[in-house]
Amino acid sequence: MRKFGLIGYPLGHSFSKTYFAGKFQNENIEDCAYDNYPLTDLNQLQKLIIEEPDLCGLNVTIPYKSEIFRYLDVTENEAKEIGAVNVLKIKRLDGKVKLYGFNSDVTGIRDTLLPYINSDLKHAVVLGTGGSSKAVCYVLKKLGLEVTQISRIRKPGISDYSDLNSQLFDKTGLIINTTPVGMFPDIESKPDINYSLLNQKHILFDLVYNPEKTSFLKAGEEQGCKVLSGLKMLHSQAERAWKIWNDVNL
């Protein structure tokens, strides 16, 4: 049986196992299984691969999308440029294991945002600086948008939440939450921004998909914003991962 799965920690919020179980059933894909592998330390990855000889591919989630690079034998150029990997392909040849790294978040982000990109949308605010935010910023810049990245701690080239004032929101059309704030089970939480400064010209996109409509999106809706959940991104990146795992040329 070919095995696939998800590594990260914690994994209680993830729908990936449910998604792939449904895919295998609906598409009559036999002899395949998908499981969650919560790793409290990424050093446990090598042990997992040895103990699961049928493991062919893994998705990678918080907090390992950047740390995973030091375990890879080969990394696609796009993932290198982004600085984050969320798909591993495991190749076993002549008793040797090689790990290949890819980024399918780019596909999910692009598929979600493309219907809303137009000439009026010139600037985006990205909340967070983790692996997902790197993919988001990469896509936005490829689409020609100016990006302001926000972190809890001010760094060179990165603003902090105190900079989210009316002047910045006036020039911004798109606000993307790449942090885990608001993710199950802490569903009442939301990023610390002044939601009263938002209006119908703003689009809010939350990469969190559990719950599908987060407190961040609900607060935006109350101000008249268009809101996008992370569910479409999940589906798109999952399908891209499946293609990577099954394409003999990758």
C-alpha atoms as a PDB file:
ATOM      1  CA  MET A   1       0.000   0.000   0.000  1.00  0.00           C
ATOM      2  CA  ARG A   2       1.239   3.499  -0.863  1.00  0.00           C
ATOM      3  CA  LYS A   3       1.147   5.810   2.128  1.00  0.00           C
ATOM      4  CA  PHE A   4       0.981   9.583   2.331  1.00  0.00           C
ATOM      5  CA  GLY A   5       0.509  11.965   5.213  1.00  0.00           C
ATOM      6  CA  LEU A   6       0.950  15.265   6.982  1.00  0.00           C
ATOM      7  CA  ILE A   7       3.736  16.321   9.333  1.00  0.00           C
ATOM      8  CA  GLY A   8       3.662  19.319  11.654  1.00  0.00           C
ATOM      9  CA  TYR A   9       2.583  20.109  15.198  1.00  0.00           C
ATOM     10  CA  PRO A  10      -0.134  20.280  16.346  1.00  0.00           C
ATOM     11  CA  LEU A  11      -2.369  18.675  13.714  1.00  0.00           C
ATOM     12  CA  GLY A  12      -5.781  18.677  15.395  1.00  0.00           C
ATOM     13  CA  HIS A  13      -6.949  21.490  13.096  1.00  0.00           C
ATOM     14  CA  SER A  14      -6.119  19.734   9.825  1.00  0.00           C
ATOM     15  CA  PHE A  15      -8.669  18.555   7.237  1.00  0.00           C
ATOM     16  CA  SER A  16      -6.037  16.957   4.998  1.00  0.00           C
ATOM     17  CA  LYS A  17      -6.658  13.396   6.161  1.00  0.00           C
ATOM     18  CA  THR A  18     -10.406  13.784   5.628  1.00  0.00           C
ATOM     19  CA  TYR A  19      -9.828  15.383   2.220  1.00  0.00           C
ATOM     20  CA  PHE A  20      -7.629  12.580   0.919  1.00  0.00           C
ATOM     21  CA  ALA A  21      -9.817   9.841   2.399  1.00  0.00           C
ATOM     22  CA  GLY A  22     -12.727  11.330   0.454  1.00  0.00           C
ATOM     23  CA  LYS A  23     -10.626  11.648  -2.692  1.00  0.00           C
ATOM     24  CA  PHE A  24      -9.509   8.018  -2.541  1.00  0.00           C
ATOM     25  CA  GLN A  25     -13.100   6.855  -2.082  1.00  0.00           C
ATOM     26  CA  ASN A  26     -14.727   9.133  -4.666  1.00  0.00           C
ATOM     27  CA  GLU A  27     -12.127   8.431  -7.358  1.00  0.00           C
ATOM     28  CA  ASN A  28     -11.823   4.706  -6.606  1.00  0.00           C
ATOM     29  CA  ILE A  29      -8.141   5.057  -5.795  1.00  0.00           C
ATOM     30  CA  GLU A  30      -7.141   1.769  -4.181  1.00  0.00           C
ATOM     31  CA  ASP A  31      -4.149   0.740  -2.080  1.00  0.00           C
ATOM     32  CA  CYS A  32      -3.525   4.267  -0.824  1.00  0.00           C
ATOM     33  CA  ALA A  33      -3.780   5.707   2.689  1.00  0.00           C
ATOM     34  CA  TYR A  34      -3.252   9.142   4.239  1.00  0.00           C
ATOM     35  CA  ASP A  35      -2.460   9.718   7.916  1.00  0.00           C
ATOM     36  CA  ASN A  36      -1.433  12.512  10.255  1.00  0.00           C
ATOM     37  CA  TYR A  37       2.057  12.287  11.742  1.00  0.00           C
ATOM     38  CA  PRO A  38       2.358  14.883  14.521  1.00  0.00           C
ATOM     39  CA  LEU A  39       6.071  15.480  15.063  1.00  0.00           C
ATOM     40  CA  THR A  40       7.021  17.497  18.136  1.00  0.00           C
ATOM     41  CA  ASP A  41      10.534  17.804  16.687  1.00  0.00           C
ATOM     42  CA  LEU A  42      11.521  17.631  13.016  1.00  0.00           C
ATOM     43  CA  ASN A  43      14.441  15.385  13.976  1.00  0.00           C
ATOM     44  CA  GLN A  44      11.787  12.647  14.222  1.00  0.00           C
ATOM     45  CA  LEU A  45      11.313  12.735  10.432  1.00  0.00           C
ATOM     46  CA  GLN A  46      14.118  10.297   9.611  1.00  0.00           C
ATOM     47  CA  LYS A  47      12.768   7.765  12.112  1.00  0.00           C
ATOM     48  CA  LEU A  48       9.267   8.092  10.613  1.00  0.00           C
ATOM     49  CA  ILE A  49      10.532   7.425   7.081  1.00  0.00           C
ATOM     50  CA  ILE A  50      12.469   4.355   8.222  1.00  0.00           C
ATOM     51  CA  GLU A  51       9.547   2.969  10.227  1.00  0.00           C
ATOM     52  CA  GLU A  52       7.082   3.571   7.379  1.00  0.00           C
ATOM     53  CA  PRO A  53       8.724   1.987   4.319  1.00  0.00           C
ATOM     54  CA  ASP A  54       5.562   2.466   2.213  1.00  0.00           C
ATOM     55  CA  LEU A  55       5.544   6.235   2.787  1.00  0.00           C
ATOM     56  CA  CYS A  56       5.755   7.967  -0.612  1.00  0.00           C
ATOM     57  CA  GLY A  57       4.920  11.584   0.155  1.00  0.00           C
ATOM     58  CA  LEU A  58       4.192  14.070   2.902  1.00  0.00           C
ATOM     59  CA  ASN A  59       2.563  17.435   3.283  1.00  0.00           C
ATOM     60  CA  VAL A  60       4.383  19.809   5.627  1.00  0.00           C
ATOM     61  CA  THR A  61       2.603  22.350   7.815  1.00  0.00           C
ATOM     62  CA  ILE A  62       3.293  24.667  10.763  1.00  0.00           C
ATOM     63  CA  PRO A  63       5.973  25.019  12.088  1.00  0.00           C
ATOM     64  CA  TYR A  64       8.298  23.143   9.718  1.00  0.00           C
ATOM     65  CA  LYS A  65       7.902  24.697   6.248  1.00  0.00           C
ATOM     66  CA  SER A  66      11.231  26.523   6.452  1.00  0.00           C
ATOM     67  CA  GLU A  67      13.114  24.192   8.792  1.00  0.00           C
ATOM     68  CA  ILE A  68      12.515  21.223   6.462  1.00  0.00           C
ATOM     69  CA  PHE A  69      15.142  22.486   3.962  1.00  0.00           C
ATOM     70  CA  ARG A  70      18.070  20.980   5.863  1.00  0.00           C
ATOM     71  CA  TYR A  71      16.623  17.469   5.378  1.00  0.00           C
ATOM     72  CA  LEU A  72      16.150  17.716   1.603  1.00  0.00           C
ATOM     73  CA  ASP A  73      18.294  16.220  -1.130  1.00  0.00           C
ATOM     74  CA  VAL A  74      16.620  18.122  -3.973  1.00  0.00           C
ATOM     75  CA  THR A  75      14.441  21.271  -3.886  1.00  0.00           C
ATOM     76  CA  GLU A  76      12.472  22.793  -6.761  1.00  0.00           C
ATOM     77  CA  ASN A  77      13.625  26.286  -7.739  1.00  0.00           C
ATOM     78  CA  GLU A  78      10.307  27.940  -6.877  1.00  0.00           C
ATOM     79  CA  ALA A  79      10.385  26.561  -3.327  1.00  0.00           C
ATOM     80  CA  LYS A  80      13.989  27.768  -2.983  1.00  0.00           C
ATOM     81  CA  GLU A  81      12.983  31.247  -4.109  1.00  0.00           C
ATOM     82  CA  ILE A  82      10.057  31.325  -1.681  1.00  0.00           C
ATOM     83  CA  GLY A  83      12.037  29.859   1.212  1.00  0.00           C
ATOM     84  CA  ALA A  84       9.352  27.362   2.202  1.00  0.00           C
ATOM     85  CA  VAL A  85       8.442  23.753   1.361  1.00  0.00           C
ATOM     86  CA  ASN A  86       5.087  22.112   2.046  1.00  0.00           C
ATOM     87  CA  VAL A  87       5.288  18.949  -0.078  1.00  0.00           C
ATOM     88  CA  LEU A  88       7.824  16.150   0.235  1.00  0.00           C
ATOM     89  CA  LYS A  89       8.266  13.413  -2.335  1.00  0.00           C
ATOM     90  CA  ILE A  90      10.059  10.367  -0.969  1.00  0.00           C
ATOM     91  CA  LYS A  91      12.057   8.272  -3.431  1.00  0.00           C
ATOM     92  CA  ARG A  92      13.578   4.956  -2.367  1.00  0.00           C
ATOM     93  CA  LEU A  93      16.167   3.507  -4.736  1.00  0.00           C
ATOM     94  CA  ASP A  94      18.613   0.678  -4.014  1.00  0.00           C
ATOM     95  CA  GLY A  95      18.099   0.984  -0.276  1.00  0.00           C
ATOM     96  CA  LYS A  96      18.703   4.744  -0.299  1.00  0.00           C
ATOM     97  CA  VAL A  97      16.124   7.408   0.532  1.00  0.00           C
ATOM     98  CA  LYS A  98      16.027  10.796  -1.174  1.00  0.00           C
ATOM     99  CA  LEU A  99      13.723  13.643  -0.193  1.00  0.00           C
ATOM    100  CA  TYR A 100      12.469  16.123  -2.798  1.00  0.00           C
ATOM    101  CA  GLY A 101      10.880  19.416  -1.714  1.00  0.00           C
ATOM    102  CA  PHE A 102       8.136  21.404  -3.455  1.00  0.00           C
ATOM    103  CA  ASN A 103       5.735  24.237  -2.655  1.00  0.00           C
ATOM    104  CA  SER A 104       2.074  23.669  -3.539  1.00  0.00           C
ATOM    105  CA  ASP A 105       0.865  26.612  -1.415  1.00  0.00           C
ATOM    106  CA  VAL A 106       1.674  28.814  -4.402  1.00  0.00           C
ATOM    107  CA  THR A 107      -0.916  26.970  -6.499  1.00  0.00           C
ATOM    108  CA  GLY A 108      -3.586  27.263  -3.801  1.00  0.00           C
ATOM    109  CA  ILE A 109      -2.923  30.946  -3.171  1.00  0.00           C
ATOM    110  CA  ARG A 110      -2.878  31.824  -6.862  1.00  0.00           C
ATOM    111  CA  ASP A 111      -6.071  29.859  -7.600  1.00  0.00           C
ATOM    112  CA  THR A 112      -7.867  31.602  -4.729  1.00  0.00           C
ATOM    113  CA  LEU A 113      -6.787  35.154  -5.564  1.00  0.00           C
ATOM    114  CA  LEU A 114      -6.762  35.287  -9.374  1.00  0.00           C
ATOM    115  CA  PRO A 115     -10.536  35.903  -9.756  1.00  0.00           C
ATOM    116  CA  TYR A 116     -10.179  39.033  -7.586  1.00  0.00           C
ATOM    117  CA  ILE A 117      -7.029  40.560  -9.071  1.00  0.00           C
ATOM    118  CA  ASN A 118      -7.690  43.622 -11.232  1.00  0.00           C
ATOM    119  CA  SER A 119      -6.048  46.898 -12.168  1.00  0.00           C
ATOM    120  CA  ASP A 120      -7.567  48.680  -9.153  1.00  0.00           C
ATOM    121  CA  LEU A 121      -5.868  46.309  -6.708  1.00  0.00           C
ATOM    122  CA  LYS A 122      -2.330  47.588  -6.222  1.00  0.00           C
ATOM    123  CA  HIS A 123      -1.388  46.981  -2.584  1.00  0.00           C
ATOM    124  CA  ALA A 124      -1.746  44.120  -0.097  1.00  0.00           C
ATOM    125  CA  VAL A 125      -1.069  43.690   3.612  1.00  0.00           C
ATOM    126  CA  VAL A 126       0.196  40.283   4.734  1.00  0.00           C
ATOM    127  CA  LEU A 127      -0.134  39.373   8.407  1.00  0.00           C
ATOM    128  CA  GLY A 128       2.626  36.988   9.520  1.00  0.00           C
ATOM    129  CA  THR A 129       6.155  36.031   8.501  1.00  0.00           C
ATOM    130  CA  GLY A 130       6.123  32.213   8.545  1.00  0.00           C
ATOM    131  CA  GLY A 131       6.416  29.703   5.707  1.00  0.00           C
ATOM    132  CA  SER A 132       2.917  30.380   4.355  1.00  0.00           C
ATOM    133  CA  SER A 133       3.471  34.125   4.323  1.00  0.00           C
ATOM    134  CA  LYS A 134       6.564  33.625   2.164  1.00  0.00           C
ATOM    135  CA  ALA A 135       4.466  31.833  -0.454  1.00  0.00           C
ATOM    136  CA  VAL A 136       1.769  34.527  -0.237  1.00  0.00           C
ATOM    137  CA  CYS A 137       4.269  37.369  -0.716  1.00  0.00           C
ATOM    138  CA  TYR A 138       5.864  35.511  -3.624  1.00  0.00           C
ATOM    139  CA  VAL A 139       2.501  35.151  -5.422  1.00  0.00           C
ATOM    140  CA  LEU A 140       1.426  38.733  -4.743  1.00  0.00           C
ATOM    141  CA  LYS A 141       4.653  40.172  -6.101  1.00  0.00           C
ATOM    142  CA  LYS A 142       4.428  37.940  -9.191  1.00  0.00           C
ATOM    143  CA  LEU A 143       0.924  39.363  -9.706  1.00  0.00           C
ATOM    144  CA  GLY A 144       2.370  42.879  -9.585  1.00  0.00           C
ATOM    145  CA  LEU A 145       1.141  43.976  -6.159  1.00  0.00           C
ATOM    146  CA  GLU A 146       3.053  46.050  -3.646  1.00  0.00           C
ATOM    147  CA  VAL A 147       3.202  44.200  -0.312  1.00  0.00           C
ATOM    148  CA  THR A 148       3.462  45.365   3.290  1.00  0.00           C
ATOM    149  CA  GLN A 149       4.327  42.494   5.614  1.00  0.00           C
ATOM    150  CA  ILE A 150       3.298  42.700   9.270  1.00  0.00           C
ATOM    151  CA  SER A 151       4.853  40.933  12.262  1.00  0.00           C
ATOM    152  CA  ARG A 152       4.484  41.246  16.019  1.00  0.00           C
ATOM    153  CA  ILE A 153       8.125  42.350  16.065  1.00  0.00           C
ATOM    154  CA  ARG A 154       9.437  45.060  13.745  1.00  0.00           C
ATOM    155  CA  LYS A 155      12.317  43.885  11.549  1.00  0.00           C
ATOM    156  CA  PRO A 156      14.134  45.307   8.525  1.00  0.00           C
ATOM    157  CA  GLY A 157      11.593  45.404   5.699  1.00  0.00           C
ATOM    158  CA  ILE A 158       8.783  44.209   7.969  1.00  0.00           C
ATOM    159  CA  SER A 159       6.349  46.476   9.818  1.00  0.00           C
ATOM    160  CA  ASP A 160       4.521  45.748  13.067  1.00  0.00           C
ATOM    161  CA  TYR A 161       0.844  45.937  14.003  1.00  0.00           C
ATOM    162  CA  SER A 162       1.150  49.548  15.205  1.00  0.00           C
ATOM    163  CA  ASP A 163       1.702  50.541  11.549  1.00  0.00           C
ATOM    164  CA  LEU A 164      -1.765  49.343  10.548  1.00  0.00           C
ATOM    165  CA  ASN A 165      -3.273  52.826  10.478  1.00  0.00           C
ATOM    166  CA  SER A 166      -5.929  54.509   8.340  1.00  0.00           C
ATOM    167  CA  GLN A 167      -3.358  55.734   5.810  1.00  0.00           C
ATOM    168  CA  LEU A 168      -2.111  52.190   5.146  1.00  0.00           C
ATOM    169  CA  PHE A 169      -5.625  50.733   4.957  1.00  0.00           C
ATOM    170  CA  ASP A 170      -6.715  53.510   2.568  1.00  0.00           C
ATOM    171  CA  LYS A 171      -4.198  52.370  -0.047  1.00  0.00           C
ATOM    172  CA  THR A 172      -4.705  48.655   0.641  1.00  0.00           C
ATOM    173  CA  GLY A 173      -7.258  46.506  -1.160  1.00  0.00           C
ATOM    174  CA  LEU A 174      -6.280  43.063   0.119  1.00  0.00           C
ATOM    175  CA  ILE A 175      -5.466  41.850   3.646  1.00  0.00           C
ATOM    176  CA  ILE A 176      -4.246  38.282   4.118  1.00  0.00           C
ATOM    177  CA  ASN A 177      -3.908  36.448   7.426  1.00  0.00           C
ATOM    178  CA  THR A 178      -1.142  33.833   7.227  1.00  0.00           C
ATOM    179  CA  THR A 179      -0.903  33.351  11.003  1.00  0.00           C
ATOM    180  CA  PRO A 180      -2.625  30.520  12.943  1.00  0.00           C
ATOM    181  CA  VAL A 181      -4.602  33.087  14.975  1.00  0.00           C
ATOM    182  CA  GLY A 182      -8.263  32.051  14.955  1.00  0.00           C
ATOM    183  CA  MET A 183      -7.561  28.422  14.079  1.00  0.00           C
ATOM    184  CA  PHE A 184      -9.441  25.637  15.863  1.00  0.00           C
ATOM    185  CA  PRO A 185      -9.720  25.290  18.835  1.00  0.00           C
ATOM    186  CA  ASP A 186      -9.042  29.002  19.530  1.00  0.00           C
ATOM    187  CA  ILE A 187     -11.789  30.115  17.157  1.00  0.00           C
ATOM    188  CA  GLU A 188     -12.707  33.345  18.979  1.00  0.00           C
ATOM    189  CA  SER A 189      -9.287  34.895  18.385  1.00  0.00           C
ATOM    190  CA  LYS A 190      -8.480  37.174  15.457  1.00  0.00           C
ATOM    191  CA  PRO A 191      -5.514  39.300  14.351  1.00  0.00           C
ATOM    192  CA  ASP A 192      -5.127  42.494  16.347  1.00  0.00           C
ATOM    193  CA  ILE A 193      -6.087  45.119  13.775  1.00  0.00           C
ATOM    194  CA  ASN A 194      -8.559  48.021  13.836  1.00  0.00           C
ATOM    195  CA  TYR A 195     -11.480  46.474  11.935  1.00  0.00           C
ATOM    196  CA  SER A 196     -13.407  49.772  11.995  1.00  0.00           C
ATOM    197  CA  LEU A 197     -10.963  51.037   9.340  1.00  0.00           C
ATOM    198  CA  LEU A 198     -12.160  48.388   6.871  1.00  0.00           C
ATOM    199  CA  ASN A 199     -14.934  48.858   4.319  1.00  0.00           C
ATOM    200  CA  GLN A 200     -16.472  47.367   1.189  1.00  0.00           C
ATOM    201  CA  LYS A 201     -13.365  48.042  -0.923  1.00  0.00           C
ATOM    202  CA  HIS A 202     -11.315  45.569   1.130  1.00  0.00           C
ATOM    203  CA  ILE A 203     -10.865  41.862   0.467  1.00  0.00           C
ATOM    204  CA  LEU A 204      -9.942  39.662   3.442  1.00  0.00           C
ATOM    205  CA  PHE A 205      -8.321  36.277   2.816  1.00  0.00           C
ATOM    206  CA  ASP A 206      -7.616  33.906   5.705  1.00  0.00           C
ATOM    207  CA  LEU A 207      -5.346  30.909   5.113  1.00  0.00           C
ATOM    208  CA  VAL A 208      -6.959  29.271   8.146  1.00  0.00           C
ATOM    209  CA  TYR A 209      -9.695  26.883   6.962  1.00  0.00           C
ATOM    210  CA  ASN A 210     -10.847  25.418  10.280  1.00  0.00           C
ATOM    211  CA  PRO A 211     -13.261  27.039  10.966  1.00  0.00           C
ATOM    212  CA  GLU A 212     -14.160  27.897   7.390  1.00  0.00           C
ATOM    213  CA  LYS A 213     -15.302  31.371   8.446  1.00  0.00           C
ATOM    214  CA  THR A 214     -12.882  32.650  11.079  1.00  0.00           C
ATOM    215  CA  SER A 215     -13.423  35.538  13.485  1.00  0.00           C
ATOM    216  CA  PHE A 216     -11.111  37.574  11.217  1.00  0.00           C
ATOM    217  CA  LEU A 217     -13.436  37.014   8.255  1.00  0.00           C
ATOM    218  CA  LYS A 218     -16.580  37.593  10.310  1.00  0.00           C
ATOM    219  CA  ALA A 219     -15.243  40.937  11.545  1.00  0.00           C
ATOM    220  CA  GLY A 220     -14.454  41.902   7.963  1.00  0.00           C
ATOM    221  CA  GLU A 221     -17.914  40.907   6.777  1.00  0.00           C
ATOM    222  CA  GLU A 222     -19.454  43.159   9.410  1.00  0.00           C
ATOM    223  CA  GLN A 223     -17.578  46.063   7.789  1.00  0.00           C
ATOM    224  CA  GLY A 224     -18.780  45.128   4.303  1.00  0.00           C
ATOM    225  CA  CYS A 225     -15.578  43.417   3.133  1.00  0.00           C
ATOM    226  CA  LYS A 226     -15.472  40.568   0.632  1.00  0.00           C
ATOM    227  CA  VAL A 227     -14.065  37.514   2.447  1.00  0.00           C
ATOM    228  CA  LEU A 228     -12.193  34.426   1.199  1.00  0.00           C
ATOM    229  CA  SER A 229     -11.674  31.333   3.343  1.00  0.00           C
ATOM    230  CA  GLY A 230      -8.669  29.035   3.144  1.00  0.00           C
ATOM    231  CA  LEU A 231     -10.749  26.086   1.956  1.00  0.00           C
ATOM    232  CA  LYS A 232     -10.236  26.642  -1.781  1.00  0.00           C
ATOM    233  CA  MET A 233      -6.522  26.997  -1.152  1.00  0.00           C
ATOM    234  CA  LEU A 234      -6.524  23.702   0.769  1.00  0.00           C
ATOM    235  CA  HIS A 235      -8.215  21.879  -2.116  1.00  0.00           C
ATOM    236  CA  SER A 236      -5.949  23.389  -4.797  1.00  0.00           C
ATOM    237  CA  GLN A 237      -2.705  22.730  -2.944  1.00  0.00           C
ATOM    238  CA  ALA A 238      -3.826  19.190  -2.073  1.00  0.00           C
ATOM    239  CA  GLU A 239      -4.458  18.413  -5.746  1.00  0.00           C
ATOM    240  CA  ARG A 240      -1.077  19.873  -6.661  1.00  0.00           C
ATOM    241  CA  ALA A 241       0.562  17.664  -4.008  1.00  0.00           C
ATOM    242  CA  TRP A 242      -1.193  14.596  -5.418  1.00  0.00           C
ATOM    243  CA  LYS A 243       0.128  15.429  -8.898  1.00  0.00           C
ATOM    244  CA  ILE A 244       3.659  15.833  -7.537  1.00  0.00           C
ATOM    245  CA  TRP A 245       3.520  12.466  -5.778  1.00  0.00           C
ATOM    246  CA  ASN A 246       2.308  10.679  -8.904  1.00  0.00           C
ATOM    247  CA  ASP A 247       4.285  12.409 -11.666  1.00  0.00           C
ATOM    248  CA  VAL A 248       7.278  10.229 -12.528  1.00  0.00           C
ATOM    249  CA  ASN A 249       9.019  13.253 -14.050  1.00  0.00           C
ATOM    250  CA  LEU A 250       9.079  15.185 -10.754  1.00  0.00           C
END
